[in-house]
Amino acid sequence: MGAVTQKSTRHLIERAIQRLVRAGGRKSEADGAHLLEGIAVVAYDPGTGKMDANLPPPGSGLRWDEFVDALSSAYEARFEG
């Protein structure tokens, strides 16, 4: 039996990020129901267990910290305003 090799899936993750950015953007309940209100992409190296610092790119709205900020803002706008 041969050695197991891992292939990069970075190109697939980048394509998924492009689609998710286009599908995002719902800021309030009045925006289109077909838009995503909150989603995050976490990419990591399975060999090291470390997150990829460049995927998704900063400002995409898909990074974990951006997702948490958006979720917090949406909650405040709806339930504390």
PDB file of N, CA and C in Angstrom:
ATOM      1  N   MET A   1       0.840  -1.171   0.000  1.00  0.00           N
ATOM      2  CA  MET A   1       0.000   0.000   0.000  1.00  0.00           C
ATOM      3  C   MET A   1       0.887   1.236   0.000  1.00  0.00           C
ATOM      4  N   GLY A   2       0.555   2.218  -0.838  1.00  0.00           N
ATOM      5  CA  GLY A   2       1.366   3.426  -0.973  1.00  0.00           C
ATOM      6  C   GLY A   2       1.122   4.441   0.130  1.00  0.00           C
ATOM      7  N   ALA A   3       2.003   5.401   0.173  1.00  0.00           N
ATOM      8  CA  ALA A   3       1.885   6.475   1.161  1.00  0.00           C
ATOM      9  C   ALA A   3       0.698   7.374   0.820  1.00  0.00           C
ATOM     10  N   VAL A   4       0.050   7.853   1.840  1.00  0.00           N
ATOM     11  CA  VAL A   4      -1.079   8.768   1.663  1.00  0.00           C
ATOM     12  C   VAL A   4      -0.521  10.171   1.459  1.00  0.00           C
ATOM     13  N   THR A   5      -0.979  10.820   0.406  1.00  0.00           N
ATOM     14  CA  THR A   5      -0.570  12.203   0.159  1.00  0.00           C
ATOM     15  C   THR A   5      -1.794  13.094   0.229  1.00  0.00           C
ATOM     16  N   GLN A   6      -1.581  14.287   0.705  1.00  0.00           N
ATOM     17  CA  GLN A   6      -2.668  15.252   0.784  1.00  0.00           C
ATOM     18  C   GLN A   6      -2.530  16.238  -0.367  1.00  0.00           C
ATOM     19  N   LYS A   7      -3.644  16.563  -0.966  1.00  0.00           N
ATOM     20  CA  LYS A   7      -3.676  17.561  -2.020  1.00  0.00           C
ATOM     21  C   LYS A   7      -4.273  18.844  -1.465  1.00  0.00           C
ATOM     22  N   SER A   8      -3.781  19.936  -1.937  1.00  0.00           N
ATOM     23  CA  SER A   8      -4.302  21.223  -1.493  1.00  0.00           C
ATOM     24  C   SER A   8      -5.740  21.404  -1.963  1.00  0.00           C
ATOM     25  N   THR A   9      -6.558  21.919  -1.079  1.00  0.00           N
ATOM     26  CA  THR A   9      -7.940  22.264  -1.437  1.00  0.00           C
ATOM     27  C   THR A   9      -8.128  23.783  -1.432  1.00  0.00           C
ATOM     28  N   ARG A  10      -7.025  24.499  -1.370  1.00  0.00           N
ATOM     29  CA  ARG A  10      -7.077  25.962  -1.305  1.00  0.00           C
ATOM     30  C   ARG A  10      -7.907  26.547  -2.441  1.00  0.00           C
ATOM     31  N   HIS A  11      -7.711  26.054  -3.653  1.00  0.00           N
ATOM     32  CA  HIS A  11      -8.458  26.596  -4.796  1.00  0.00           C
ATOM     33  C   HIS A  11      -9.965  26.386  -4.628  1.00  0.00           C
ATOM     34  N   LEU A  12     -10.352  25.279  -4.023  1.00  0.00           N
ATOM     35  CA  LEU A  12     -11.772  25.028  -3.784  1.00  0.00           C
ATOM     36  C   LEU A  12     -12.324  25.960  -2.705  1.00  0.00           C
ATOM     37  N   ILE A  13     -11.531  26.175  -1.679  1.00  0.00           N
ATOM     38  CA  ILE A  13     -11.944  27.095  -0.612  1.00  0.00           C
ATOM     39  C   ILE A  13     -12.070  28.508  -1.158  1.00  0.00           C
ATOM     40  N   GLU A  14     -11.134  28.930  -2.001  1.00  0.00           N
ATOM     41  CA  GLU A  14     -11.195  30.275  -2.589  1.00  0.00           C
ATOM     42  C   GLU A  14     -12.434  30.439  -3.458  1.00  0.00           C
ATOM     43  N   ARG A  15     -12.791  29.406  -4.226  1.00  0.00           N
ATOM     44  CA  ARG A  15     -14.020  29.466  -5.035  1.00  0.00           C
ATOM     45  C   ARG A  15     -15.254  29.553  -4.143  1.00  0.00           C
ATOM     46  N   ALA A  16     -15.272  28.777  -3.082  1.00  0.00           N
ATOM     47  CA  ALA A  16     -16.407  28.817  -2.156  1.00  0.00           C
ATOM     48  C   ALA A  16     -16.516  30.194  -1.508  1.00  0.00           C
ATOM     49  N   ILE A  17     -15.389  30.784  -1.151  1.00  0.00           N
ATOM     50  CA  ILE A  17     -15.383  32.122  -0.552  1.00  0.00           C
ATOM     51  C   ILE A  17     -15.985  33.136  -1.507  1.00  0.00           C
ATOM     52  N   GLN A  18     -15.614  33.080  -2.775  1.00  0.00           N
ATOM     53  CA  GLN A  18     -16.177  34.005  -3.771  1.00  0.00           C
ATOM     54  C   GLN A  18     -17.695  33.890  -3.826  1.00  0.00           C
ATOM     55  N   ARG A  19     -18.199  32.680  -3.814  1.00  0.00           N
ATOM     56  CA  ARG A  19     -19.656  32.483  -3.867  1.00  0.00           C
ATOM     57  C   ARG A  19     -20.332  32.951  -2.587  1.00  0.00           C
ATOM     58  N   LEU A  20     -19.719  32.684  -1.457  1.00  0.00           N
ATOM     59  CA  LEU A  20     -20.315  33.097  -0.189  1.00  0.00           C
ATOM     60  C   LEU A  20     -20.327  34.612  -0.036  1.00  0.00           C
ATOM     61  N   VAL A  21     -19.295  35.285  -0.531  1.00  0.00           N
ATOM     62  CA  VAL A  21     -19.273  36.755  -0.482  1.00  0.00           C
ATOM     63  C   VAL A  21     -20.437  37.306  -1.299  1.00  0.00           C
ATOM     64  N   ARG A  22     -20.682  36.738  -2.477  1.00  0.00           N
ATOM     65  CA  ARG A  22     -21.800  37.197  -3.318  1.00  0.00           C
ATOM     66  C   ARG A  22     -23.151  36.906  -2.680  1.00  0.00           C
ATOM     67  N   ALA A  23     -23.237  35.833  -1.923  1.00  0.00           N
ATOM     68  CA  ALA A  23     -24.511  35.446  -1.306  1.00  0.00           C
ATOM     69  C   ALA A  23     -24.758  36.178   0.005  1.00  0.00           C
ATOM     70  N   GLY A  24     -23.754  36.825   0.535  1.00  0.00           N
ATOM     71  CA  GLY A  24     -23.889  37.511   1.815  1.00  0.00           C
ATOM     72  C   GLY A  24     -24.468  38.898   1.671  1.00  0.00           C
ATOM     73  N   GLY A  25     -24.435  39.630   2.740  1.00  0.00           N
ATOM     74  CA  GLY A  25     -24.849  41.018   2.678  1.00  0.00           C
ATOM     75  C   GLY A  25     -26.167  41.346   3.327  1.00  0.00           C
ATOM     76  N   ARG A  26     -26.832  40.385   3.897  1.00  0.00           N
ATOM     77  CA  ARG A  26     -28.100  40.689   4.555  1.00  0.00           C
ATOM     78  C   ARG A  26     -27.798  41.358   5.891  1.00  0.00           C
ATOM     79  N   LYS A  27     -28.163  42.619   5.993  1.00  0.00           N
ATOM     80  CA  LYS A  27     -27.862  43.400   7.192  1.00  0.00           C
ATOM     81  C   LYS A  27     -29.056  43.535   8.129  1.00  0.00           C
ATOM     82  N   SER A  28     -30.245  43.370   7.585  1.00  0.00           N
ATOM     83  CA  SER A  28     -31.439  43.495   8.426  1.00  0.00           C
ATOM     84  C   SER A  28     -32.499  42.514   7.948  1.00  0.00           C
ATOM     85  N   GLU A  29     -33.546  42.378   8.734  1.00  0.00           N
ATOM     86  CA  GLU A  29     -34.636  41.481   8.363  1.00  0.00           C
ATOM     87  C   GLU A  29     -35.359  41.951   7.107  1.00  0.00           C
ATOM     88  N   ALA A  30     -35.239  43.218   6.771  1.00  0.00           N
ATOM     89  CA  ALA A  30     -35.900  43.760   5.593  1.00  0.00           C
ATOM     90  C   ALA A  30     -35.163  43.412   4.300  1.00  0.00           C
ATOM     91  N   ASP A  31     -33.889  43.015   4.400  1.00  0.00           N
ATOM     92  CA  ASP A  31     -33.127  42.647   3.201  1.00  0.00           C
ATOM     93  C   ASP A  31     -33.622  41.307   2.662  1.00  0.00           C
ATOM     94  N   GLY A  32     -33.222  41.002   1.440  1.00  0.00           N
ATOM     95  CA  GLY A  32     -33.670  39.785   0.773  1.00  0.00           C
ATOM     96  C   GLY A  32     -33.440  38.533   1.595  1.00  0.00           C
ATOM     97  N   ALA A  33     -34.472  37.703   1.653  1.00  0.00           N
ATOM     98  CA  ALA A  33     -34.385  36.462   2.428  1.00  0.00           C
ATOM     99  C   ALA A  33     -33.396  35.479   1.818  1.00  0.00           C
ATOM    100  N   HIS A  34     -33.045  35.669   0.542  1.00  0.00           N
ATOM    101  CA  HIS A  34     -32.112  34.760  -0.120  1.00  0.00           C
ATOM    102  C   HIS A  34     -30.648  35.070   0.222  1.00  0.00           C
ATOM    103  N   LEU A  35     -30.422  36.199   0.886  1.00  0.00           N
ATOM    104  CA  LEU A  35     -29.057  36.570   1.259  1.00  0.00           C
ATOM    105  C   LEU A  35     -28.669  35.942   2.591  1.00  0.00           C
ATOM    106  N   LEU A  36     -27.386  35.633   2.717  1.00  0.00           N
ATOM    107  CA  LEU A  36     -26.883  35.084   3.979  1.00  0.00           C
ATOM    108  C   LEU A  36     -26.706  36.198   4.987  1.00  0.00           C
ATOM    109  N   GLU A  37     -27.156  35.958   6.163  1.00  0.00           N
ATOM    110  CA  GLU A  37     -27.034  36.965   7.209  1.00  0.00           C
ATOM    111  C   GLU A  37     -25.721  36.843   7.963  1.00  0.00           C
ATOM    112  N   GLY A  38     -25.280  35.638   8.168  1.00  0.00           N
ATOM    113  CA  GLY A  38     -24.028  35.433   8.868  1.00  0.00           C
ATOM    114  C   GLY A  38     -23.442  34.073   8.558  1.00  0.00           C
ATOM    115  N   ILE A  39     -22.182  34.077   8.183  1.00  0.00           N
ATOM    116  CA  ILE A  39     -21.493  32.822   7.899  1.00  0.00           C
ATOM    117  C   ILE A  39     -19.999  33.077   8.039  1.00  0.00           C
ATOM    118  N   ALA A  40     -19.290  32.068   8.478  1.00  0.00           N
ATOM    119  CA  ALA A  40     -17.840  32.176   8.610  1.00  0.00           C
ATOM    120  C   ALA A  40     -17.191  30.984   7.930  1.00  0.00           C
ATOM    121  N   VAL A  41     -15.989  31.192   7.460  1.00  0.00           N
ATOM    122  CA  VAL A  41     -15.183  30.121   6.877  1.00  0.00           C
ATOM    123  C   VAL A  41     -13.907  30.021   7.704  1.00  0.00           C
ATOM    124  N   VAL A  42     -13.633  28.839   8.197  1.00  0.00           N
ATOM    125  CA  VAL A  42     -12.411  28.609   8.954  1.00  0.00           C
ATOM    126  C   VAL A  42     -11.581  27.597   8.174  1.00  0.00           C
ATOM    127  N   ALA A  43     -10.424  28.033   7.705  1.00  0.00           N
ATOM    128  CA  ALA A  43      -9.525  27.156   6.944  1.00  0.00           C
ATOM    129  C   ALA A  43      -8.284  26.890   7.783  1.00  0.00           C
ATOM    130  N   TYR A  44      -7.890  25.639   7.825  1.00  0.00           N
ATOM    131  CA  TYR A  44      -6.720  25.289   8.635  1.00  0.00           C
ATOM    132  C   TYR A  44      -5.900  24.206   7.937  1.00  0.00           C
ATOM    133  N   ASP A  45      -4.676  24.085   8.357  1.00  0.00           N
ATOM    134  CA  ASP A  45      -3.770  23.065   7.854  1.00  0.00           C
ATOM    135  C   ASP A  45      -3.943  21.831   8.738  1.00  0.00           C
ATOM    136  N   PRO A  46      -4.424  20.722   8.178  1.00  0.00           N
ATOM    137  CA  PRO A  46      -4.643  19.545   9.014  1.00  0.00           C
ATOM    138  C   PRO A  46      -3.347  18.953   9.571  1.00  0.00           C
ATOM    139  N   GLY A  47      -2.237  19.251   8.942  1.00  0.00           N
ATOM    140  CA  GLY A  47      -0.961  18.745   9.426  1.00  0.00           C
ATOM    141  C   GLY A  47      -0.496  19.439  10.689  1.00  0.00           C
ATOM    142  N   THR A  48      -0.762  20.745  10.763  1.00  0.00           N
ATOM    143  CA  THR A  48      -0.311  21.521  11.923  1.00  0.00           C
ATOM    144  C   THR A  48      -1.452  21.894  12.853  1.00  0.00           C
ATOM    145  N   GLY A  49      -2.679  21.886  12.324  1.00  0.00           N
ATOM    146  CA  GLY A  49      -3.827  22.307  13.111  1.00  0.00           C
ATOM    147  C   GLY A  49      -3.949  23.822  13.214  1.00  0.00           C
ATOM    148  N   LYS A  50      -3.091  24.555  12.513  1.00  0.00           N
ATOM    149  CA  LYS A  50      -3.116  26.022  12.577  1.00  0.00           C
ATOM    150  C   LYS A  50      -4.048  26.579  11.510  1.00  0.00           C
ATOM    151  N   MET A  51      -4.748  27.650  11.908  1.00  0.00           N
ATOM    152  CA  MET A  51      -5.632  28.324  10.958  1.00  0.00           C
ATOM    153  C   MET A  51      -4.814  29.064   9.919  1.00  0.00           C
ATOM    154  N   ASP A  52      -5.349  29.124   8.697  1.00  0.00           N
ATOM    155  CA  ASP A  52      -4.711  29.870   7.615  1.00  0.00           C
ATOM    156  C   ASP A  52      -5.026  31.347   7.826  1.00  0.00           C
ATOM    157  N   ALA A  53      -4.008  32.149   8.048  1.00  0.00           N
ATOM    158  CA  ALA A  53      -4.192  33.576   8.357  1.00  0.00           C
ATOM    159  C   ALA A  53      -4.705  34.380   7.167  1.00  0.00           C
ATOM    160  N   ASN A  54      -4.639  33.830   5.968  1.00  0.00           N
ATOM    161  CA  ASN A  54      -5.036  34.580   4.776  1.00  0.00           C
ATOM    162  C   ASN A  54      -6.324  34.088   4.139  1.00  0.00           C
ATOM    163  N   LEU A  55      -6.930  33.064   4.714  1.00  0.00           N
ATOM    164  CA  LEU A  55      -8.185  32.541   4.175  1.00  0.00           C
ATOM    165  C   LEU A  55      -9.234  32.559   5.273  1.00  0.00           C
ATOM    166  N   PRO A  56     -10.366  33.132   5.028  1.00  0.00           N
ATOM    167  CA  PRO A  56     -10.690  34.047   3.938  1.00  0.00           C
ATOM    168  C   PRO A  56      -9.950  35.371   4.114  1.00  0.00           C
ATOM    169  N   PRO A  57      -9.879  36.141   3.039  1.00  0.00           N
ATOM    170  CA  PRO A  57      -9.135  37.396   3.140  1.00  0.00           C
ATOM    171  C   PRO A  57      -9.804  38.401   4.090  1.00  0.00           C
ATOM    172  N   PRO A  58      -8.999  39.199   4.772  1.00  0.00           N
ATOM    173  CA  PRO A  58      -9.565  40.242   5.644  1.00  0.00           C
ATOM    174  C   PRO A  58     -10.510  41.151   4.853  1.00  0.00           C
ATOM    175  N   GLY A  59     -11.607  41.517   5.469  1.00  0.00           N
ATOM    176  CA  GLY A  59     -12.581  42.389   4.823  1.00  0.00           C
ATOM    177  C   GLY A  59     -13.634  41.648   4.025  1.00  0.00           C
ATOM    178  N   SER A  60     -13.511  40.335   3.920  1.00  0.00           N
ATOM    179  CA  SER A  60     -14.473  39.551   3.148  1.00  0.00           C
ATOM    180  C   SER A  60     -15.787  39.357   3.903  1.00  0.00           C
ATOM    181  N   GLY A  61     -15.742  39.580   5.225  1.00  0.00           N
ATOM    182  CA  GLY A  61     -16.912  39.338   6.054  1.00  0.00           C
ATOM    183  C   GLY A  61     -17.047  37.882   6.456  1.00  0.00           C
ATOM    184  N   LEU A  62     -16.131  37.043   6.004  1.00  0.00           N
ATOM    185  CA  LEU A  62     -16.213  35.614   6.275  1.00  0.00           C
ATOM    186  C   LEU A  62     -15.208  35.121   7.309  1.00  0.00           C
ATOM    187  N   ARG A  63     -14.357  36.009   7.755  1.00  0.00           N
ATOM    188  CA  ARG A  63     -13.394  35.617   8.780  1.00  0.00           C
ATOM    189  C   ARG A  63     -14.127  35.454  10.108  1.00  0.00           C
ATOM    190  N   TRP A  64     -13.623  34.620  10.983  1.00  0.00           N
ATOM    191  CA  TRP A  64     -14.296  34.339  12.244  1.00  0.00           C
ATOM    192  C   TRP A  64     -14.588  35.611  13.033  1.00  0.00           C
ATOM    193  N   ASP A  65     -13.586  36.480  13.171  1.00  0.00           N
ATOM    194  CA  ASP A  65     -13.790  37.700  13.957  1.00  0.00           C
ATOM    195  C   ASP A  65     -14.816  38.617  13.305  1.00  0.00           C
ATOM    196  N   GLU A  66     -14.828  38.682  11.979  1.00  0.00           N
ATOM    197  CA  GLU A  66     -15.817  39.505  11.272  1.00  0.00           C
ATOM    198  C   GLU A  66     -17.218  38.929  11.446  1.00  0.00           C
ATOM    199  N   PHE A  67     -17.319  37.609  11.418  1.00  0.00           N
ATOM    200  CA  PHE A  67     -18.597  36.942  11.621  1.00  0.00           C
ATOM    201  C   PHE A  67     -19.155  37.244  13.014  1.00  0.00           C
ATOM    202  N   VAL A  68     -18.316  37.124  14.019  1.00  0.00           N
ATOM    203  CA  VAL A  68     -18.760  37.373  15.391  1.00  0.00           C
ATOM    204  C   VAL A  68     -19.188  38.832  15.556  1.00  0.00           C
ATOM    205  N   ASP A  69     -18.444  39.770  14.982  1.00  0.00           N
ATOM    206  CA  ASP A  69     -18.813  41.186  15.050  1.00  0.00           C
ATOM    207  C   ASP A  69     -20.164  41.435  14.380  1.00  0.00           C
ATOM    208  N   ALA A  70     -20.376  40.835  13.200  1.00  0.00           N
ATOM    209  CA  ALA A  70     -21.642  41.019  12.474  1.00  0.00           C
ATOM    210  C   ALA A  70     -22.802  40.406  13.255  1.00  0.00           C
ATOM    211  N   LEU A  71     -22.575  39.249  13.832  1.00  0.00           N
ATOM    212  CA  LEU A  71     -23.615  38.590  14.615  1.00  0.00           C
ATOM    213  C   LEU A  71     -23.986  39.424  15.838  1.00  0.00           C
ATOM    214  N   SER A  72     -22.990  39.964  16.491  1.00  0.00           N
ATOM    215  CA  SER A  72     -23.215  40.809  17.662  1.00  0.00           C
ATOM    216  C   SER A  72     -23.991  42.074  17.284  1.00  0.00           C
ATOM    217  N   SER A  73     -23.606  42.700  16.180  1.00  0.00           N
ATOM    218  CA  SER A  73     -24.302  43.915  15.724  1.00  0.00           C
ATOM    219  C   SER A  73     -25.753  43.624  15.370  1.00  0.00           C
ATOM    220  N   ALA A  74     -25.998  42.509  14.695  1.00  0.00           N
ATOM    221  CA  ALA A  74     -27.366  42.142  14.316  1.00  0.00           C
ATOM    222  C   ALA A  74     -28.207  41.891  15.562  1.00  0.00           C
ATOM    223  N   TYR A  75     -27.644  41.220  16.537  1.00  0.00           N
ATOM    224  CA  TYR A  75     -28.370  40.932  17.773  1.00  0.00           C
ATOM    225  C   TYR A  75     -28.730  42.239  18.490  1.00  0.00           C
ATOM    226  N   GLU A  76     -27.747  43.132  18.588  1.00  0.00           N
ATOM    227  CA  GLU A  76     -28.000  44.412  19.269  1.00  0.00           C
ATOM    228  C   GLU A  76     -29.082  45.204  18.552  1.00  0.00           C
ATOM    229  N   ALA A  77     -29.030  45.237  17.216  1.00  0.00           N
ATOM    230  CA  ALA A  77     -30.011  45.994  16.446  1.00  0.00           C
ATOM    231  C   ALA A  77     -31.420  45.438  16.616  1.00  0.00           C
ATOM    232  N   ARG A  78     -31.550  44.150  16.752  1.00  0.00           N
ATOM    233  CA  ARG A  78     -32.864  43.537  16.819  1.00  0.00           C
ATOM    234  C   ARG A  78     -33.441  43.456  18.220  1.00  0.00           C
ATOM    235  N   PHE A  79     -32.588  43.197  19.185  1.00  0.00           N
ATOM    236  CA  PHE A  79     -33.116  42.881  20.510  1.00  0.00           C
ATOM    237  C   PHE A  79     -32.771  43.883  21.603  1.00  0.00           C
ATOM    238  N   GLU A  80     -31.864  44.787  21.317  1.00  0.00           N
ATOM    239  CA  GLU A  80     -31.491  45.757  22.346  1.00  0.00           C
ATOM    240  C   GLU A  80     -31.791  47.177  21.925  1.00  0.00           C
ATOM    241  N   GLY A  81     -32.316  47.348  20.723  1.00  0.00           N
ATOM    242  CA  GLY A  81     -32.536  48.702  20.197  1.00  0.00           C
ATOM    243  C   GLY A  81     -33.811  49.274  20.477  1.00  0.00           C
TER     244      GLY A  81
END
